[in-house]
Amino acid sequence: MSPCIRTIISFLLFLPLSVSSGEFVQTPYKPQNVVYDFYFDDPAKINSALFWLRSHVNPLGESPYDIGIDENNIKVIIHGTEIVTVAKKNYAQYKEAVERMRYYADLGIEFKVCALAAQDFDYVVNDFYDFIDVIPSAMPELAHWQLQGYALMRPVILDKKHRNDKIR
């Protein structure tokens, strides 16, 4: 095959199959079953992960969807260093995150802590808030909900290095 033909074929392979019209697309969302996997190397990252919840439930709750949290089934499995944020003794340090989780729990989102991770931090069931369920282990819990058809969401929390107004 000549170099010219190879260049043309390579060019055609990288052409987009369709061109976006630049329009706002209203995806026809329905109630959702989702399990969130919270496993972070820094407890403070739970604040960013909770924005994933906000970004998930707020659009669904607004028009044209009007899907309330109670119509969705959302579970959050906590088993990393962020477990310290839901220990009652650490309330002063993690008050903002705790109150945001309590707000979501009151709306129907379930928060679950891995008992094995709790042991690693020397916590027992009574160390956690009343809106926290303690489960035997995060791994079988995550597998269980996925086998029930729940979508797995694993928030990726990156350290922001640039302010938006500096890079746009």
Protein backbone atom coordinates (compact mmCIF):
# COMPACT_ATOMS: atom_id res chain seq x y z
CA MET A 1 0.00 0.00 0.00
CA SER A 2 1.39 3.38 -0.97
CA PRO A 3 2.27 5.96 1.72
CA CYS A 4 -0.35 8.31 0.27
CA ILE A 5 -3.15 5.73 0.64
CA ARG A 6 -2.02 4.92 4.21
CA THR A 7 -2.16 8.62 5.09
CA ILE A 8 -5.67 8.97 3.67
CA ILE A 9 -6.91 5.85 5.53
CA SER A 10 -5.33 7.07 8.78
CA PHE A 11 -6.98 10.47 8.33
CA LEU A 12 -10.40 8.91 7.67
CA LEU A 13 -10.13 6.68 10.74
CA PHE A 14 -9.77 9.71 12.99
CA LEU A 15 -12.67 11.71 11.53
CA PRO A 16 -15.63 11.95 13.90
CA LEU A 17 -18.61 9.87 12.83
CA SER A 18 -21.02 12.66 13.69
CA VAL A 19 -20.70 16.34 14.32
CA SER A 20 -22.26 17.81 17.45
CA SER A 21 -24.84 20.48 16.85
CA GLY A 22 -23.87 22.20 20.10
CA GLU A 23 -27.41 21.80 21.46
CA PHE A 24 -28.34 21.08 25.07
CA VAL A 25 -29.42 17.44 25.26
CA GLN A 26 -32.13 16.44 27.71
CA THR A 27 -31.29 12.80 28.45
CA PRO A 28 -34.45 10.91 29.50
CA TYR A 29 -33.31 9.96 33.01
CA LYS A 30 -35.31 7.54 35.14
CA PRO A 31 -34.98 6.68 38.86
CA GLN A 32 -31.58 5.16 39.53
CA ASN A 33 -30.03 2.51 41.76
CA VAL A 34 -26.47 3.53 42.61
CA VAL A 35 -23.85 2.47 45.13
CA TYR A 36 -21.01 4.91 45.82
CA ASP A 37 -17.61 3.55 46.87
CA PHE A 38 -15.90 6.05 49.21
CA TYR A 39 -12.28 5.02 49.80
CA PHE A 40 -9.95 8.00 50.10
CA ASP A 41 -6.38 8.53 51.21
CA ASP A 42 -7.29 11.77 52.99
CA PRO A 43 -10.40 12.25 55.16
CA ALA A 44 -10.90 15.78 53.83
CA LYS A 45 -11.60 14.35 50.35
CA ILE A 46 -15.04 13.31 51.57
CA ASN A 47 -16.12 16.94 51.06
CA SER A 48 -15.39 16.72 47.33
CA ALA A 49 -17.01 13.28 47.12
CA LEU A 50 -20.19 14.69 48.63
CA PHE A 51 -20.32 17.10 45.68
CA TRP A 52 -20.60 13.99 43.47
CA LEU A 53 -23.78 13.16 45.39
CA ARG A 54 -25.06 16.70 44.90
CA SER A 55 -24.26 16.55 41.20
CA HIS A 56 -26.12 13.28 40.98
CA VAL A 57 -29.32 14.05 42.87
CA ASN A 58 -29.87 17.75 42.17
CA PRO A 59 -30.36 17.51 38.39
CA LEU A 60 -32.65 14.49 38.83
CA GLY A 61 -34.78 16.42 41.31
CA GLU A 62 -35.25 19.40 39.00
CA SER A 63 -37.54 19.88 36.02
CA PRO A 64 -38.07 18.17 33.63
CA TYR A 65 -37.19 15.01 35.63
CA ASP A 66 -38.61 15.77 39.07
CA ILE A 67 -37.22 12.47 40.40
CA GLY A 68 -37.01 12.79 44.16
CA ILE A 69 -34.22 11.16 46.13
CA ASP A 70 -36.86 8.85 47.61
CA GLU A 71 -37.48 7.47 44.10
CA ASN A 72 -33.79 6.66 43.68
CA ASN A 73 -31.88 4.09 45.68
CA ILE A 74 -28.49 5.53 46.59
CA LYS A 75 -26.07 3.94 49.00
CA VAL A 76 -22.64 5.20 50.10
CA ILE A 77 -20.08 2.68 51.35
CA ILE A 78 -17.38 4.29 53.51
CA HIS A 79 -14.19 2.30 54.12
CA GLY A 80 -11.13 4.54 53.73
CA THR A 81 -9.54 7.18 55.91
CA GLU A 82 -12.74 9.21 55.57
CA ILE A 83 -14.25 6.87 58.17
CA VAL A 84 -12.95 9.31 60.80
CA THR A 85 -15.42 11.93 59.52
CA VAL A 86 -18.39 9.89 60.74
CA ALA A 87 -17.01 9.13 64.20
CA LYS A 88 -18.93 11.25 66.73
CA LYS A 89 -15.78 12.26 68.59
CA ASN A 90 -14.49 14.08 65.47
CA TYR A 91 -17.57 16.23 64.92
CA ALA A 92 -15.84 19.58 65.47
CA GLN A 93 -13.26 18.84 62.77
CA TYR A 94 -15.71 17.40 60.21
CA LYS A 95 -18.93 19.24 61.08
CA GLU A 96 -19.61 20.46 57.52
CA ALA A 97 -19.27 16.98 56.00
CA VAL A 98 -21.31 15.37 58.78
CA GLU A 99 -24.18 17.83 58.36
CA ARG A 100 -24.19 17.37 54.60
CA MET A 101 -24.34 13.59 55.05
CA ARG A 102 -27.08 13.93 57.66
CA TYR A 103 -29.05 16.11 55.22
CA TYR A 104 -28.73 13.48 52.47
CA ALA A 105 -29.54 10.68 54.90
CA ASP A 106 -32.74 12.51 55.91
CA LEU A 107 -33.66 12.56 52.22
CA GLY A 108 -33.14 8.80 51.87
CA ILE A 109 -29.50 8.24 50.92
CA GLU A 110 -28.02 5.40 52.97
CA PHE A 111 -24.54 5.71 54.48
CA LYS A 112 -22.75 2.50 55.47
CA VAL A 113 -19.42 1.99 57.22
CA CYS A 114 -17.27 -1.12 56.85
CA ALA A 115 -16.84 -2.90 60.22
CA LEU A 116 -13.37 -4.12 59.22
CA ALA A 117 -12.24 -0.56 58.50
CA ALA A 118 -13.87 0.59 61.75
CA GLN A 119 -11.78 -1.99 63.64
CA ASP A 120 -8.63 -0.65 61.97
CA PHE A 121 -9.44 2.72 63.51
CA ASP A 122 -10.47 1.21 66.87
CA TYR A 123 -14.11 2.23 66.39
CA VAL A 124 -17.19 0.32 67.48
CA VAL A 125 -20.79 0.66 66.29
CA ASN A 126 -21.68 3.23 68.96
CA ASP A 127 -18.88 5.55 67.79
CA PHE A 128 -20.90 6.45 64.68
CA TYR A 129 -23.91 8.70 64.13
CA ASP A 130 -27.40 7.27 64.08
CA PHE A 131 -27.68 7.76 60.30
CA ILE A 132 -24.70 5.41 59.74
CA ASP A 133 -25.24 1.68 59.30
CA VAL A 134 -22.28 -0.59 60.07
CA ILE A 135 -21.88 -3.47 57.62
CA PRO A 136 -19.58 -6.51 57.94
CA SER A 137 -17.26 -5.55 55.08
CA ALA A 138 -17.18 -3.06 52.20
CA MET A 139 -16.13 -5.58 49.54
CA PRO A 140 -19.06 -8.01 49.75
CA GLU A 141 -21.41 -5.06 50.27
CA LEU A 142 -20.25 -3.41 47.03
CA ALA A 143 -20.52 -6.74 45.20
CA HIS A 144 -23.98 -7.39 46.66
CA TRP A 145 -25.46 -4.14 45.41
CA GLN A 146 -23.84 -4.46 42.00
CA LEU A 147 -25.30 -7.96 41.67
CA GLN A 148 -28.69 -6.38 42.47
CA GLY A 149 -28.25 -4.12 39.44
CA TYR A 150 -26.86 -1.02 41.16
CA ALA A 151 -24.41 1.11 39.20
CA LEU A 152 -21.03 1.57 40.89
CA MET A 153 -19.75 5.12 41.28
CA ARG A 154 -16.20 5.66 42.54
CA PRO A 155 -15.49 9.35 43.03
CA VAL A 156 -12.04 10.30 41.82
CA ILE A 157 -10.88 13.20 43.94
CA LEU A 158 -7.91 15.07 42.55
CA ASP A 159 -6.00 17.88 44.17
CA LYS A 160 -6.90 21.04 42.27
CA LYS A 161 -3.74 22.81 41.14
CA HIS A 162 -5.21 25.73 39.22
CA ARG A 163 -8.00 28.19 39.89
CA ASN A 164 -10.70 28.22 37.22
CA ASP A 165 -10.28 31.91 36.50
CA LYS A 166 -6.56 31.38 35.83
CA ILE A 167 -6.94 28.60 33.25
CA ARG A 168 -10.13 29.31 31.32
